Structures are given as C-alpha cells and as structure tokens.
Amino acid sequence: MRHNLDDPAVRRKLVGALLKLSPIMFVGCWILGTLQGAGAIEATVIAGVIAAMCLAGALGLHLFGSSARYILLAITGVLGLLAFLVR
C-alpha cells in the first residue's frame, strides 16, 4: 500500500522513525566498519556519513514532503558525478 508523504501524520511518523534510527545506524555502521578492518577514524567517518545521510533524508521529508525524492536524487547524482570525476 502506498502512503501519501504529503499527509502530515505519515510524514511525522516517517521522520520520527528516521531520527530514531540514525544513532542505531551510526553504531551499526561503525561496528561493521571495524569488523571489516577499518581503523577507528575511518570507521567513524563512514558511520558519520551514513548517519548524516539518514538525517538529511529526514530533513528533506520534513521540509518538502513527497517532493524530497527528487531533491535527494539530484544530490545523489551530483555526488556520484563528483566521485567519478575525482578518480
């Protein structure tokens, strides 16, 4: 069943879930990074980027509702292009 992200109740639940999950994602990504052999600093950077992406998604949904998918897609495209050009 599709949910309308412009409905304030649905948006509030989703943003709340993303805000509650971001610290769990930080710890989980940090543990996975260290298990794969990354140093403490590298694991912290990786986990921080993942948590920041989760918080950015929550902020985008809170501010723009269903239009946030296009904004986040554009940001992802620009970051992917920059990563390709830096190589």
N, C-alpha and C. Protein backbone atom coordinates (compact mmCIF):
# COMPACT_ATOMS: atom_id res chain seq x y z
N MET A 1 0.83 -1.17 0.00
CA MET A 1 0.00 0.00 0.00
C MET A 1 0.88 1.24 0.00
N ARG A 2 0.57 2.15 -0.85
CA ARG A 2 1.36 3.37 -0.96
C ARG A 2 0.85 4.39 0.05
N HIS A 3 1.80 5.06 0.66
CA HIS A 3 1.45 6.10 1.63
C HIS A 3 1.68 7.45 1.00
N ASN A 4 0.83 8.39 1.32
CA ASN A 4 0.95 9.75 0.82
C ASN A 4 1.89 10.52 1.73
N LEU A 5 3.07 10.86 1.24
CA LEU A 5 4.05 11.56 2.05
C LEU A 5 3.67 13.01 2.29
N ASP A 6 2.62 13.49 1.63
CA ASP A 6 2.14 14.84 1.90
C ASP A 6 1.16 14.88 3.06
N ASP A 7 0.73 13.70 3.53
CA ASP A 7 -0.12 13.62 4.71
C ASP A 7 0.73 13.91 5.95
N PRO A 8 0.38 14.89 6.76
CA PRO A 8 1.22 15.26 7.91
C PRO A 8 1.46 14.12 8.90
N ALA A 9 0.46 13.26 9.11
CA ALA A 9 0.64 12.17 10.07
C ALA A 9 1.66 11.15 9.55
N VAL A 10 1.57 10.81 8.28
CA VAL A 10 2.52 9.86 7.68
C VAL A 10 3.92 10.45 7.67
N ARG A 11 4.03 11.71 7.31
CA ARG A 11 5.33 12.37 7.27
C ARG A 11 5.95 12.42 8.66
N ARG A 12 5.15 12.73 9.67
CA ARG A 12 5.66 12.81 11.05
C ARG A 12 6.17 11.45 11.53
N LYS A 13 5.45 10.38 11.21
CA LYS A 13 5.87 9.04 11.61
C LYS A 13 7.18 8.65 10.93
N LEU A 14 7.28 8.93 9.64
CA LEU A 14 8.48 8.57 8.89
C LEU A 14 9.69 9.36 9.35
N VAL A 15 9.52 10.66 9.54
CA VAL A 15 10.63 11.49 10.02
C VAL A 15 11.04 11.07 11.42
N GLY A 16 10.07 10.76 12.28
CA GLY A 16 10.39 10.28 13.62
C GLY A 16 11.16 8.97 13.60
N ALA A 17 10.77 8.06 12.71
CA ALA A 17 11.48 6.79 12.60
C ALA A 17 12.91 7.00 12.12
N LEU A 18 13.10 7.88 11.14
CA LEU A 18 14.46 8.15 10.65
C LEU A 18 15.33 8.80 11.72
N LEU A 19 14.75 9.70 12.52
CA LEU A 19 15.52 10.34 13.58
C LEU A 19 15.89 9.35 14.68
N LYS A 20 15.00 8.40 14.97
CA LYS A 20 15.30 7.40 15.98
C LYS A 20 16.31 6.36 15.49
N LEU A 21 16.31 6.08 14.20
CA LEU A 21 17.20 5.06 13.65
C LEU A 21 18.61 5.57 13.35
N SER A 22 18.79 6.88 13.24
CA SER A 22 20.11 7.38 12.85
C SER A 22 21.21 7.04 13.86
N PRO A 23 21.01 7.12 15.19
CA PRO A 23 22.09 6.69 16.09
C PRO A 23 22.35 5.19 16.02
N ILE A 24 21.29 4.41 15.82
CA ILE A 24 21.46 2.96 15.68
C ILE A 24 22.26 2.64 14.42
N MET A 25 21.97 3.38 13.34
CA MET A 25 22.72 3.18 12.11
C MET A 25 24.17 3.59 12.27
N PHE A 26 24.42 4.66 13.03
CA PHE A 26 25.79 5.09 13.28
C PHE A 26 26.58 3.99 13.98
N VAL A 27 26.02 3.45 15.06
CA VAL A 27 26.72 2.41 15.82
C VAL A 27 26.88 1.14 14.98
N GLY A 28 25.82 0.77 14.27
CA GLY A 28 25.90 -0.44 13.45
C GLY A 28 26.92 -0.31 12.33
N CYS A 29 26.98 0.82 11.66
CA CYS A 29 27.96 1.02 10.59
C CYS A 29 29.37 1.09 11.15
N TRP A 30 29.52 1.67 12.34
CA TRP A 30 30.85 1.73 12.96
C TRP A 30 31.33 0.33 13.30
N ILE A 31 30.45 -0.50 13.84
CA ILE A 31 30.82 -1.88 14.16
C ILE A 31 31.17 -2.65 12.90
N LEU A 32 30.35 -2.52 11.86
CA LEU A 32 30.65 -3.22 10.61
C LEU A 32 31.96 -2.74 9.99
N GLY A 33 32.24 -1.45 10.08
CA GLY A 33 33.49 -0.92 9.55
C GLY A 33 34.70 -1.48 10.28
N THR A 34 34.62 -1.56 11.60
CA THR A 34 35.75 -2.10 12.36
C THR A 34 35.89 -3.60 12.15
N LEU A 35 34.77 -4.31 11.98
CA LEU A 35 34.86 -5.74 11.71
C LEU A 35 35.50 -6.02 10.35
N GLN A 36 35.37 -5.10 9.42
CA GLN A 36 35.96 -5.29 8.11
C GLN A 36 37.40 -4.79 8.03
N GLY A 37 37.92 -4.31 9.15
CA GLY A 37 39.33 -3.95 9.19
C GLY A 37 39.64 -2.47 9.08
N ALA A 38 38.65 -1.63 9.11
CA ALA A 38 38.91 -0.19 9.04
C ALA A 38 39.39 0.29 10.40
N GLY A 39 40.22 1.32 10.39
CA GLY A 39 40.68 1.91 11.63
C GLY A 39 39.55 2.67 12.30
N ALA A 40 39.79 3.12 13.51
CA ALA A 40 38.74 3.81 14.27
C ALA A 40 38.31 5.10 13.59
N ILE A 41 39.27 5.84 13.04
CA ILE A 41 38.93 7.11 12.39
C ILE A 41 38.14 6.87 11.12
N GLU A 42 38.58 5.91 10.31
CA GLU A 42 37.87 5.61 9.07
C GLU A 42 36.47 5.09 9.34
N ALA A 43 36.33 4.22 10.34
CA ALA A 43 35.01 3.69 10.69
C ALA A 43 34.09 4.80 11.19
N THR A 44 34.65 5.75 11.92
CA THR A 44 33.85 6.87 12.41
C THR A 44 33.41 7.77 11.26
N VAL A 45 34.27 8.00 10.30
CA VAL A 45 33.90 8.81 9.14
C VAL A 45 32.80 8.13 8.33
N ILE A 46 32.95 6.84 8.10
CA ILE A 46 31.94 6.09 7.35
C ILE A 46 30.60 6.13 8.08
N ALA A 47 30.62 5.86 9.37
CA ALA A 47 29.38 5.85 10.15
C ALA A 47 28.78 7.26 10.22
N GLY A 48 29.61 8.27 10.31
CA GLY A 48 29.12 9.64 10.34
C GLY A 48 28.44 10.04 9.04
N VAL A 49 29.01 9.62 7.93
CA VAL A 49 28.40 9.92 6.63
C VAL A 49 27.05 9.22 6.50
N ILE A 50 26.97 7.98 6.94
CA ILE A 50 25.71 7.24 6.87
C ILE A 50 24.65 7.90 7.75
N ALA A 51 25.03 8.28 8.97
CA ALA A 51 24.07 8.94 9.87
C ALA A 51 23.66 10.30 9.31
N ALA A 52 24.59 11.03 8.71
CA ALA A 52 24.26 12.33 8.12
C ALA A 52 23.30 12.16 6.95
N MET A 53 23.48 11.11 6.16
CA MET A 53 22.56 10.86 5.06
C MET A 53 21.16 10.55 5.57
N CYS A 54 21.07 9.81 6.66
CA CYS A 54 19.77 9.49 7.26
C CYS A 54 19.11 10.77 7.77
N LEU A 55 19.88 11.62 8.43
CA LEU A 55 19.33 12.87 8.94
C LEU A 55 18.95 13.83 7.80
N ALA A 56 19.73 13.83 6.72
CA ALA A 56 19.39 14.66 5.56
C ALA A 56 18.10 14.18 4.91
N GLY A 57 17.91 12.88 4.86
CA GLY A 57 16.65 12.35 4.34
C GLY A 57 15.46 12.75 5.19
N ALA A 58 15.65 12.70 6.51
CA ALA A 58 14.57 13.12 7.42
C ALA A 58 14.27 14.60 7.25
N LEU A 59 15.31 15.43 7.13
CA LEU A 59 15.10 16.86 6.94
C LEU A 59 14.40 17.15 5.62
N GLY A 60 14.82 16.46 4.56
CA GLY A 60 14.18 16.66 3.26
C GLY A 60 12.72 16.27 3.28
N LEU A 61 12.40 15.14 3.92
CA LEU A 61 11.00 14.74 4.02
C LEU A 61 10.20 15.71 4.87
N HIS A 62 10.81 16.20 5.92
CA HIS A 62 10.10 17.14 6.79
C HIS A 62 9.80 18.45 6.06
N LEU A 63 10.75 18.94 5.30
CA LEU A 63 10.58 20.23 4.64
C LEU A 63 9.78 20.16 3.35
N PHE A 64 10.00 19.11 2.55
CA PHE A 64 9.43 19.08 1.20
C PHE A 64 8.39 18.00 0.97
N GLY A 65 8.20 17.08 1.89
CA GLY A 65 7.20 16.02 1.72
C GLY A 65 7.57 15.09 0.59
N SER A 66 6.62 14.83 -0.30
CA SER A 66 6.85 13.86 -1.38
C SER A 66 7.82 14.39 -2.44
N SER A 67 8.03 15.68 -2.49
CA SER A 67 8.98 16.24 -3.46
C SER A 67 10.43 16.02 -3.05
N ALA A 68 10.65 15.55 -1.85
CA ALA A 68 12.02 15.34 -1.37
C ALA A 68 12.76 14.28 -2.18
N ARG A 69 12.04 13.33 -2.76
CA ARG A 69 12.72 12.27 -3.52
C ARG A 69 13.48 12.85 -4.71
N TYR A 70 12.93 13.88 -5.34
CA TYR A 70 13.61 14.48 -6.49
C TYR A 70 14.83 15.27 -6.05
N ILE A 71 14.73 15.96 -4.94
CA ILE A 71 15.87 16.72 -4.43
C ILE A 71 16.98 15.78 -4.00
N LEU A 72 16.63 14.71 -3.26
CA LEU A 72 17.65 13.75 -2.82
C LEU A 72 18.26 13.00 -4.00
N LEU A 73 17.47 12.74 -5.03
CA LEU A 73 18.00 12.10 -6.23
C LEU A 73 18.99 13.02 -6.94
N ALA A 74 18.69 14.29 -7.00
CA ALA A 74 19.61 15.25 -7.63
C ALA A 74 20.91 15.36 -6.83
N ILE A 75 20.81 15.40 -5.51
CA ILE A 75 22.01 15.47 -4.67
C ILE A 75 22.86 14.22 -4.85
N THR A 76 22.21 13.06 -4.90
CA THR A 76 22.94 11.80 -5.10
C THR A 76 23.62 11.78 -6.46
N GLY A 77 22.95 12.28 -7.48
CA GLY A 77 23.55 12.34 -8.81
C GLY A 77 24.76 13.24 -8.86
N VAL A 78 24.68 14.39 -8.21
CA VAL A 78 25.82 15.32 -8.17
C VAL A 78 26.99 14.70 -7.41
N LEU A 79 26.71 14.06 -6.27
CA LEU A 79 27.78 13.41 -5.50
C LEU A 79 28.41 12.25 -6.28
N GLY A 80 27.58 11.49 -7.00
CA GLY A 80 28.11 10.42 -7.83
C GLY A 80 28.99 10.94 -8.95
N LEU A 81 28.58 12.04 -9.57
CA LEU A 81 29.39 12.66 -10.63
C LEU A 81 30.71 13.17 -10.07
N LEU A 82 30.66 13.80 -8.90
CA LEU A 82 31.90 14.28 -8.28
C LEU A 82 32.84 13.12 -7.93
N ALA A 83 32.28 12.03 -7.42
CA ALA A 83 33.10 10.86 -7.09
C ALA A 83 33.74 10.28 -8.36
N PHE A 84 33.00 10.30 -9.46
CA PHE A 84 33.55 9.81 -10.72
C PHE A 84 34.66 10.71 -11.24
N LEU A 85 34.48 12.01 -11.12
CA LEU A 85 35.46 12.95 -11.64
C LEU A 85 36.73 13.02 -10.79
N VAL A 86 36.62 12.73 -9.50
CA VAL A 86 37.77 12.79 -8.61
C VAL A 86 38.71 11.62 -8.85
N ARG A 87 38.19 10.51 -9.31
CA ARG A 87 39.04 9.33 -9.53
C ARG A 87 40.16 9.58 -10.45
